[in-house]
Amino acid sequence: MRAPTPTHARAKALRSTLSLPEKLLWVRLRRRDPGHPRFRRQHPAGPFVLDFYCSDGRLCIEVDGAAHSLGDRPERDERRDAYLRARGIEVVRIAASSVLEDPESVTDWIRQMAGQRTTGEV
């Protein structure tokens, strides 16, 4: 068995330190409701860790707090998104404030989008 990569180790550590918006989404996305695609949290992808990932729909959900608009963060996010798009992964960024305001609606929207990507109804 090979040793975990630094990205895998970072992903494992991040799973225990989810932000409040990430926790609110994870509690809802992890439910195994029939007909809904499966999500993973803090999923390693190359050198990056994705907040949530639906492998069937090749969909990445990123929950962005206020820090994502500061400093070099927008440029870093764009490089990361380009890396993932080049590998066929759609990236959707959701404001943390939207999750805090209405986690159920955000979860429903994410599940609908993942379902469409999974069935090819995009």
C-alpha atoms as a PDB file:
ATOM      1  CA  MET A   1       0.000   0.000   0.000  1.00  0.00           C
ATOM      2  CA  ARG A   2       1.417   3.361  -0.961  1.00  0.00           C
ATOM      3  CA  ALA A   3       1.598   6.363   1.322  1.00  0.00           C
ATOM      4  CA  PRO A   4      -1.046   9.064   0.925  1.00  0.00           C
ATOM      5  CA  THR A   5      -0.063  12.098  -1.140  1.00  0.00           C
ATOM      6  CA  PRO A   6       0.143  15.495   0.555  1.00  0.00           C
ATOM      7  CA  THR A   7      -3.173  16.388  -1.142  1.00  0.00           C
ATOM      8  CA  HIS A   8      -4.843  13.269   0.291  1.00  0.00           C
ATOM      9  CA  ALA A   9      -3.471  14.045   3.751  1.00  0.00           C
ATOM     10  CA  ARG A  10      -4.704  17.663   3.500  1.00  0.00           C
ATOM     11  CA  ALA A  11      -8.159  16.451   2.355  1.00  0.00           C
ATOM     12  CA  LYS A  12      -8.403  14.105   5.332  1.00  0.00           C
ATOM     13  CA  ALA A  13      -7.477  16.909   7.728  1.00  0.00           C
ATOM     14  CA  LEU A  14      -9.975  19.305   6.128  1.00  0.00           C
ATOM     15  CA  ARG A  15     -12.831  16.834   6.630  1.00  0.00           C
ATOM     16  CA  SER A  16     -12.663  17.441  10.365  1.00  0.00           C
ATOM     17  CA  THR A  17     -12.601  21.237  10.047  1.00  0.00           C
ATOM     18  CA  LEU A  18     -15.539  22.038   7.770  1.00  0.00           C
ATOM     19  CA  SER A  19     -16.851  25.595   7.922  1.00  0.00           C
ATOM     20  CA  LEU A  20     -20.445  26.115   9.072  1.00  0.00           C
ATOM     21  CA  PRO A  21     -21.774  26.520   5.490  1.00  0.00           C
ATOM     22  CA  GLU A  22     -19.894  23.372   4.437  1.00  0.00           C
ATOM     23  CA  LYS A  23     -21.339  21.466   7.410  1.00  0.00           C
ATOM     24  CA  LEU A  24     -24.868  22.620   6.559  1.00  0.00           C
ATOM     25  CA  LEU A  25     -24.461  21.385   2.990  1.00  0.00           C
ATOM     26  CA  TRP A  26     -22.731  18.137   3.921  1.00  0.00           C
ATOM     27  CA  VAL A  27     -25.478  17.097   6.344  1.00  0.00           C
ATOM     28  CA  ARG A  28     -27.928  17.399   3.446  1.00  0.00           C
ATOM     29  CA  LEU A  29     -25.779  16.148   0.554  1.00  0.00           C
ATOM     30  CA  ARG A  30     -24.623  13.008   2.341  1.00  0.00           C
ATOM     31  CA  ARG A  31     -28.161  11.627   2.593  1.00  0.00           C
ATOM     32  CA  ARG A  32     -28.516   8.636   0.308  1.00  0.00           C
ATOM     33  CA  ASP A  33     -31.904   9.516  -1.107  1.00  0.00           C
ATOM     34  CA  PRO A  34     -32.915   7.288  -4.032  1.00  0.00           C
ATOM     35  CA  GLY A  35     -32.361   8.951  -7.370  1.00  0.00           C
ATOM     36  CA  HIS A  36     -29.830  11.484  -6.095  1.00  0.00           C
ATOM     37  CA  PRO A  37     -26.173  11.287  -7.089  1.00  0.00           C
ATOM     38  CA  ARG A  38     -23.575  10.624  -4.404  1.00  0.00           C
ATOM     39  CA  PHE A  39     -21.292  13.416  -3.195  1.00  0.00           C
ATOM     40  CA  ARG A  40     -17.912  13.323  -1.486  1.00  0.00           C
ATOM     41  CA  ARG A  41     -16.604  16.054   0.783  1.00  0.00           C
ATOM     42  CA  GLN A  42     -13.072  17.404   0.703  1.00  0.00           C
ATOM     43  CA  HIS A  43     -12.196  15.275  -2.306  1.00  0.00           C
ATOM     44  CA  PRO A  44      -8.595  15.322  -3.621  1.00  0.00           C
ATOM     45  CA  ALA A  45      -8.238  16.160  -7.328  1.00  0.00           C
ATOM     46  CA  GLY A  46      -4.675  16.566  -8.542  1.00  0.00           C
ATOM     47  CA  PRO A  47      -3.038  19.219  -6.362  1.00  0.00           C
ATOM     48  CA  PHE A  48      -6.404  20.525  -5.129  1.00  0.00           C
ATOM     49  CA  VAL A  49      -9.024  19.573  -2.552  1.00  0.00           C
ATOM     50  CA  LEU A  50     -12.608  20.087  -3.723  1.00  0.00           C
ATOM     51  CA  ASP A  51     -15.220  21.110  -1.148  1.00  0.00           C
ATOM     52  CA  PHE A  52     -17.794  18.690  -2.628  1.00  0.00           C
ATOM     53  CA  TYR A  53     -17.535  16.397  -5.631  1.00  0.00           C
ATOM     54  CA  CYS A  54     -20.057  14.309  -7.540  1.00  0.00           C
ATOM     55  CA  SER A  55     -18.058  11.833  -9.612  1.00  0.00           C
ATOM     56  CA  ASP A  56     -21.057  10.612 -11.641  1.00  0.00           C
ATOM     57  CA  GLY A  57     -21.799  14.159 -12.791  1.00  0.00           C
ATOM     58  CA  ARG A  58     -18.163  15.319 -12.787  1.00  0.00           C
ATOM     59  CA  LEU A  59     -19.344  18.287 -10.736  1.00  0.00           C
ATOM     60  CA  CYS A  60     -17.344  20.253  -8.165  1.00  0.00           C
ATOM     61  CA  ILE A  61     -19.138  22.485  -5.673  1.00  0.00           C
ATOM     62  CA  GLU A  62     -17.040  25.156  -3.978  1.00  0.00           C
ATOM     63  CA  VAL A  63     -18.396  27.152  -1.044  1.00  0.00           C
ATOM     64  CA  ASP A  64     -16.791  30.582  -1.147  1.00  0.00           C
ATOM     65  CA  GLY A  65     -16.567  32.802   1.896  1.00  0.00           C
ATOM     66  CA  ALA A  66     -15.537  36.457   1.902  1.00  0.00           C
ATOM     67  CA  ALA A  67     -11.828  35.539   1.699  1.00  0.00           C
ATOM     68  CA  HIS A  68     -12.283  34.325  -1.881  1.00  0.00           C
ATOM     69  CA  SER A  69     -12.513  37.933  -3.081  1.00  0.00           C
ATOM     70  CA  LEU A  70      -9.342  39.128  -1.342  1.00  0.00           C
ATOM     71  CA  GLY A  71      -5.746  39.394  -2.486  1.00  0.00           C
ATOM     72  CA  ASP A  72      -4.611  36.867  -5.064  1.00  0.00           C
ATOM     73  CA  ARG A  73      -7.454  34.488  -4.226  1.00  0.00           C
ATOM     74  CA  PRO A  74      -9.596  35.276  -7.312  1.00  0.00           C
ATOM     75  CA  GLU A  75      -6.647  34.506  -9.608  1.00  0.00           C
ATOM     76  CA  ARG A  76      -5.839  31.317  -7.695  1.00  0.00           C
ATOM     77  CA  ASP A  77      -9.481  30.228  -7.900  1.00  0.00           C
ATOM     78  CA  GLU A  78      -9.521  30.866 -11.662  1.00  0.00           C
ATOM     79  CA  ARG A  79      -6.347  28.788 -12.176  1.00  0.00           C
ATOM     80  CA  ARG A  80      -7.870  25.994 -10.121  1.00  0.00           C
ATOM     81  CA  ASP A  81     -11.166  26.157 -12.035  1.00  0.00           C
ATOM     82  CA  ALA A  82      -9.296  26.077 -15.368  1.00  0.00           C
ATOM     83  CA  TYR A  83      -7.316  23.021 -14.205  1.00  0.00           C
ATOM     84  CA  LEU A  84     -10.541  21.199 -13.305  1.00  0.00           C
ATOM     85  CA  ARG A  85     -12.417  22.263 -16.479  1.00  0.00           C
ATOM     86  CA  ALA A  86      -9.519  20.948 -18.563  1.00  0.00           C
ATOM     87  CA  ARG A  87     -10.187  17.572 -16.927  1.00  0.00           C
ATOM     88  CA  GLY A  88     -13.912  17.664 -17.676  1.00  0.00           C
ATOM     89  CA  ILE A  89     -15.032  18.755 -14.216  1.00  0.00           C
ATOM     90  CA  GLU A  90     -17.632  21.528 -14.005  1.00  0.00           C
ATOM     91  CA  VAL A  91     -16.984  23.942 -11.132  1.00  0.00           C
ATOM     92  CA  VAL A  92     -19.844  25.750  -9.420  1.00  0.00           C
ATOM     93  CA  ARG A  93     -19.051  28.371  -6.817  1.00  0.00           C
ATOM     94  CA  ILE A  94     -21.670  29.177  -4.209  1.00  0.00           C
ATOM     95  CA  ALA A  95     -21.456  32.050  -1.748  1.00  0.00           C
ATOM     96  CA  ALA A  96     -21.250  30.880   1.853  1.00  0.00           C
ATOM     97  CA  SER A  97     -23.863  33.520   2.696  1.00  0.00           C
ATOM     98  CA  SER A  98     -26.355  31.824   0.330  1.00  0.00           C
ATOM     99  CA  VAL A  99     -25.861  28.516   2.119  1.00  0.00           C
ATOM    100  CA  LEU A 100     -26.337  30.163   5.509  1.00  0.00           C
ATOM    101  CA  GLU A 101     -29.522  31.912   4.333  1.00  0.00           C
ATOM    102  CA  ASP A 102     -31.230  28.859   2.846  1.00  0.00           C
ATOM    103  CA  PRO A 103     -29.281  25.574   2.944  1.00  0.00           C
ATOM    104  CA  GLU A 104     -32.270  23.493   1.797  1.00  0.00           C
ATOM    105  CA  SER A 105     -32.795  25.472  -1.406  1.00  0.00           C
ATOM    106  CA  VAL A 106     -29.078  25.471  -2.186  1.00  0.00           C
ATOM    107  CA  THR A 107     -28.941  21.706  -1.616  1.00  0.00           C
ATOM    108  CA  ASP A 108     -31.970  21.137  -3.854  1.00  0.00           C
ATOM    109  CA  TRP A 109     -30.376  23.244  -6.598  1.00  0.00           C
ATOM    110  CA  ILE A 110     -27.071  21.356  -6.329  1.00  0.00           C
ATOM    111  CA  ARG A 111     -28.814  17.985  -6.457  1.00  0.00           C
ATOM    112  CA  GLN A 112     -30.847  19.044  -9.484  1.00  0.00           C
ATOM    113  CA  MET A 113     -27.715  20.208 -11.295  1.00  0.00           C
ATOM    114  CA  ALA A 114     -25.826  17.006 -10.418  1.00  0.00           C
ATOM    115  CA  GLY A 115     -28.775  14.909 -11.539  1.00  0.00           C
ATOM    116  CA  GLN A 116     -28.911  16.696 -14.882  1.00  0.00           C
ATOM    117  CA  ARG A 117     -25.185  16.204 -15.419  1.00  0.00           C
ATOM    118  CA  THR A 118     -25.454  12.549 -14.419  1.00  0.00           C
ATOM    119  CA  THR A 119     -28.301  11.804 -16.826  1.00  0.00           C
ATOM    120  CA  GLY A 120     -26.927  13.998 -19.608  1.00  0.00           C
ATOM    121  CA  GLU A 121     -29.816  16.489 -19.468  1.00  0.00           C
ATOM    122  CA  VAL A 122     -27.503  19.505 -19.289  1.00  0.00           C
END
